[in-house]
Amino acid sequence: MNAKSVRRQKIRYRIRKKIAGTAEKPRLAVFRSNTEIYVQLIDDDKGVTLASASSKDKDINAQKITKSEKSKLVGQAIARKAKDLGITTAIFDRGGSLYHGRVKSVAEGAREGGLEF
């Protein structure tokens, strides 16, 4: 592993020590690769994923827009899925990435969709 990924892994572990999701208030975990972005609602008590969304979803991937705009759509998609499950609040987990750019766009999209954190 290179120095950048080791640093991000340490940040991830530091964040995960402090936060954990439950069935009522799941963890909204964000993973950002160079090309795509993925989000999951996770219940850490049971260790299960309640819902997920990504920029690879057909309706989002079909649009020819910037990665930041796709990230906002991913945030709105996960908020819709959460609402269907009856979830209104979540704990945001940026996954070691800076709260900036695409990660911030996901958070803004989820807030617009009705999720609180």
C-alpha atoms as a PDB file:
ATOM      1  CA  MET A   1       0.000   0.000   0.000  1.00  0.00           C
ATOM      2  CA  ASN A   2       1.226   3.488  -0.774  1.00  0.00           C
ATOM      3  CA  ALA A   3       1.449   6.301   1.776  1.00  0.00           C
ATOM      4  CA  LYS A   4      -1.791   7.969   0.646  1.00  0.00           C
ATOM      5  CA  SER A   5      -3.926   4.842   1.075  1.00  0.00           C
ATOM      6  CA  VAL A   6      -2.294   4.027   4.432  1.00  0.00           C
ATOM      7  CA  ARG A   7      -3.119   7.542   5.654  1.00  0.00           C
ATOM      8  CA  ARG A   8      -6.741   7.207   4.472  1.00  0.00           C
ATOM      9  CA  GLN A   9      -7.037   3.793   6.162  1.00  0.00           C
ATOM     10  CA  LYS A  10      -5.841   5.267   9.482  1.00  0.00           C
ATOM     11  CA  ILE A  11      -8.401   8.076   9.181  1.00  0.00           C
ATOM     12  CA  ARG A  12     -11.130   5.492   8.412  1.00  0.00           C
ATOM     13  CA  TYR A  13     -10.273   3.493  11.544  1.00  0.00           C
ATOM     14  CA  ARG A  14     -10.235   6.658  13.669  1.00  0.00           C
ATOM     15  CA  ILE A  15     -13.702   7.631  12.399  1.00  0.00           C
ATOM     16  CA  ARG A  16     -15.100   4.098  12.835  1.00  0.00           C
ATOM     17  CA  LYS A  17     -13.959   3.978  16.469  1.00  0.00           C
ATOM     18  CA  LYS A  18     -16.300   6.869  17.235  1.00  0.00           C
ATOM     19  CA  ILE A  19     -19.380   6.070  15.140  1.00  0.00           C
ATOM     20  CA  ALA A  20     -21.595   3.009  14.681  1.00  0.00           C
ATOM     21  CA  GLY A  21     -24.980   2.663  13.032  1.00  0.00           C
ATOM     22  CA  THR A  22     -28.101   1.049  14.468  1.00  0.00           C
ATOM     23  CA  ALA A  23     -31.335  -0.123  12.846  1.00  0.00           C
ATOM     24  CA  GLU A  24     -33.070   3.181  13.734  1.00  0.00           C
ATOM     25  CA  LYS A  25     -30.084   5.409  12.908  1.00  0.00           C
ATOM     26  CA  PRO A  26     -27.851   3.597  10.397  1.00  0.00           C
ATOM     27  CA  ARG A  27     -24.395   4.633   9.239  1.00  0.00           C
ATOM     28  CA  LEU A  28     -24.324   6.304   5.806  1.00  0.00           C
ATOM     29  CA  ALA A  29     -20.976   5.060   4.503  1.00  0.00           C
ATOM     30  CA  VAL A  30     -19.457   6.714   1.423  1.00  0.00           C
ATOM     31  CA  PHE A  31     -16.802   5.117  -0.781  1.00  0.00           C
ATOM     32  CA  ARG A  32     -15.254   7.241  -3.505  1.00  0.00           C
ATOM     33  CA  SER A  33     -13.141   5.721  -6.269  1.00  0.00           C
ATOM     34  CA  ASN A  34     -11.548   7.729  -9.072  1.00  0.00           C
ATOM     35  CA  THR A  35     -14.527   7.212 -11.382  1.00  0.00           C
ATOM     36  CA  GLU A  36     -17.519   6.139  -9.258  1.00  0.00           C
ATOM     37  CA  ILE A  37     -19.088   6.818  -5.866  1.00  0.00           C
ATOM     38  CA  TYR A  38     -20.958   4.320  -3.691  1.00  0.00           C
ATOM     39  CA  VAL A  39     -23.090   4.837  -0.558  1.00  0.00           C
ATOM     40  CA  GLN A  40     -24.608   2.321   1.865  1.00  0.00           C
ATOM     41  CA  LEU A  41     -26.906   2.490   4.867  1.00  0.00           C
ATOM     42  CA  ILE A  42     -25.394   0.046   7.358  1.00  0.00           C
ATOM     43  CA  ASP A  43     -26.765  -1.411  10.608  1.00  0.00           C
ATOM     44  CA  ASP A  44     -23.557  -2.183  12.536  1.00  0.00           C
ATOM     45  CA  ASP A  45     -25.390  -4.029  15.348  1.00  0.00           C
ATOM     46  CA  LYS A  46     -26.403  -6.827  12.961  1.00  0.00           C
ATOM     47  CA  GLY A  47     -23.676  -6.189  10.392  1.00  0.00           C
ATOM     48  CA  VAL A  48     -26.071  -5.817   7.467  1.00  0.00           C
ATOM     49  CA  THR A  49     -26.503  -3.317   4.650  1.00  0.00           C
ATOM     50  CA  LEU A  50     -30.029  -1.891   4.677  1.00  0.00           C
ATOM     51  CA  ALA A  51     -29.845   0.008   1.367  1.00  0.00           C
ATOM     52  CA  SER A  52     -27.259   1.067  -1.189  1.00  0.00           C
ATOM     53  CA  ALA A  53     -26.890   3.361  -4.180  1.00  0.00           C
ATOM     54  CA  SER A  54     -24.076   4.158  -6.568  1.00  0.00           C
ATOM     55  CA  SER A  55     -23.202   6.187  -9.622  1.00  0.00           C
ATOM     56  CA  LYS A  56     -23.344   2.900 -11.576  1.00  0.00           C
ATOM     57  CA  ASP A  57     -27.150   2.690 -11.170  1.00  0.00           C
ATOM     58  CA  LYS A  58     -28.815   2.726 -14.612  1.00  0.00           C
ATOM     59  CA  ASP A  59     -30.823   5.945 -14.149  1.00  0.00           C
ATOM     60  CA  ILE A  60     -27.798   7.872 -12.812  1.00  0.00           C
ATOM     61  CA  ASN A  61     -25.159   6.406 -15.150  1.00  0.00           C
ATOM     62  CA  ALA A  62     -27.229   7.196 -18.271  1.00  0.00           C
ATOM     63  CA  GLN A  63     -26.948  10.945 -17.660  1.00  0.00           C
ATOM     64  CA  LYS A  64     -23.974  12.774 -19.132  1.00  0.00           C
ATOM     65  CA  ILE A  65     -23.137  15.112 -16.233  1.00  0.00           C
ATOM     66  CA  THR A  66     -20.110  15.797 -14.037  1.00  0.00           C
ATOM     67  CA  LYS A  67     -19.054  13.414 -11.263  1.00  0.00           C
ATOM     68  CA  SER A  68     -20.091  15.935  -8.582  1.00  0.00           C
ATOM     69  CA  GLU A  69     -23.581  16.220 -10.061  1.00  0.00           C
ATOM     70  CA  LYS A  70     -23.839  12.411 -10.222  1.00  0.00           C
ATOM     71  CA  SER A  71     -22.801  12.291  -6.557  1.00  0.00           C
ATOM     72  CA  LYS A  72     -25.683  14.594  -5.646  1.00  0.00           C
ATOM     73  CA  LEU A  73     -28.091  12.271  -7.495  1.00  0.00           C
ATOM     74  CA  VAL A  74     -26.637   9.287  -5.584  1.00  0.00           C
ATOM     75  CA  GLY A  75     -27.319  11.129  -2.309  1.00  0.00           C
ATOM     76  CA  GLN A  76     -30.915  11.786  -3.341  1.00  0.00           C
ATOM     77  CA  ALA A  77     -31.323   8.128  -4.383  1.00  0.00           C
ATOM     78  CA  ILE A  78     -30.143   6.807  -1.001  1.00  0.00           C
ATOM     79  CA  ALA A  79     -32.457   9.278   0.762  1.00  0.00           C
ATOM     80  CA  ARG A  80     -35.427   7.932  -1.240  1.00  0.00           C
ATOM     81  CA  LYS A  81     -34.505   4.334  -0.350  1.00  0.00           C
ATOM     82  CA  ALA A  82     -34.120   5.306   3.316  1.00  0.00           C
ATOM     83  CA  LYS A  83     -37.526   6.975   3.307  1.00  0.00           C
ATOM     84  CA  ASP A  84     -39.057   3.778   1.877  1.00  0.00           C
ATOM     85  CA  LEU A  85     -37.516   1.866   4.808  1.00  0.00           C
ATOM     86  CA  GLY A  86     -38.879   4.448   7.272  1.00  0.00           C
ATOM     87  CA  ILE A  87     -35.446   5.864   8.150  1.00  0.00           C
ATOM     88  CA  THR A  88     -35.229   9.628   8.704  1.00  0.00           C
ATOM     89  CA  THR A  89     -31.846  10.055  10.434  1.00  0.00           C
ATOM     90  CA  ALA A  90     -28.406   8.603   9.742  1.00  0.00           C
ATOM     91  CA  ILE A  91     -24.797   8.973  10.859  1.00  0.00           C
ATOM     92  CA  PHE A  92     -22.528  10.249   8.059  1.00  0.00           C
ATOM     93  CA  ASP A  93     -19.305   8.275   7.504  1.00  0.00           C
ATOM     94  CA  ARG A  94     -17.034   9.947   4.947  1.00  0.00           C
ATOM     95  CA  GLY A  95     -14.778   6.884   4.831  1.00  0.00           C
ATOM     96  CA  GLY A  96     -11.446   8.676   5.222  1.00  0.00           C
ATOM     97  CA  SER A  97     -12.088  11.059   2.332  1.00  0.00           C
ATOM     98  CA  LEU A  98     -12.174  14.784   2.937  1.00  0.00           C
ATOM     99  CA  TYR A  99     -15.630  16.341   3.353  1.00  0.00           C
ATOM    100  CA  HIS A 100     -15.196  18.190   0.085  1.00  0.00           C
ATOM    101  CA  GLY A 101     -16.207  17.837  -3.550  1.00  0.00           C
ATOM    102  CA  ARG A 102     -18.034  14.598  -4.349  1.00  0.00           C
ATOM    103  CA  VAL A 103     -18.379  13.445  -0.723  1.00  0.00           C
ATOM    104  CA  LYS A 104     -19.944  16.801   0.167  1.00  0.00           C
ATOM    105  CA  SER A 105     -22.265  16.522  -2.868  1.00  0.00           C
ATOM    106  CA  VAL A 106     -23.544  13.145  -1.615  1.00  0.00           C
ATOM    107  CA  ALA A 107     -24.282  14.675   1.799  1.00  0.00           C
ATOM    108  CA  GLU A 108     -26.095  17.647   0.259  1.00  0.00           C
ATOM    109  CA  GLY A 109     -28.156  15.369  -1.991  1.00  0.00           C
ATOM    110  CA  ALA A 110     -29.127  13.155   0.948  1.00  0.00           C
ATOM    111  CA  ARG A 111     -30.146  16.208   2.998  1.00  0.00           C
ATOM    112  CA  GLU A 112     -32.268  17.507   0.116  1.00  0.00           C
ATOM    113  CA  GLY A 113     -33.895  14.060  -0.101  1.00  0.00           C
ATOM    114  CA  GLY A 114     -34.952  14.304   3.543  1.00  0.00           C
ATOM    115  CA  LEU A 115     -32.226  12.470   5.491  1.00  0.00           C
ATOM    116  CA  GLU A 116     -30.934  14.170   8.641  1.00  0.00           C
ATOM    117  CA  PHE A 117     -27.450  13.864  10.092  1.00  0.00           C
END
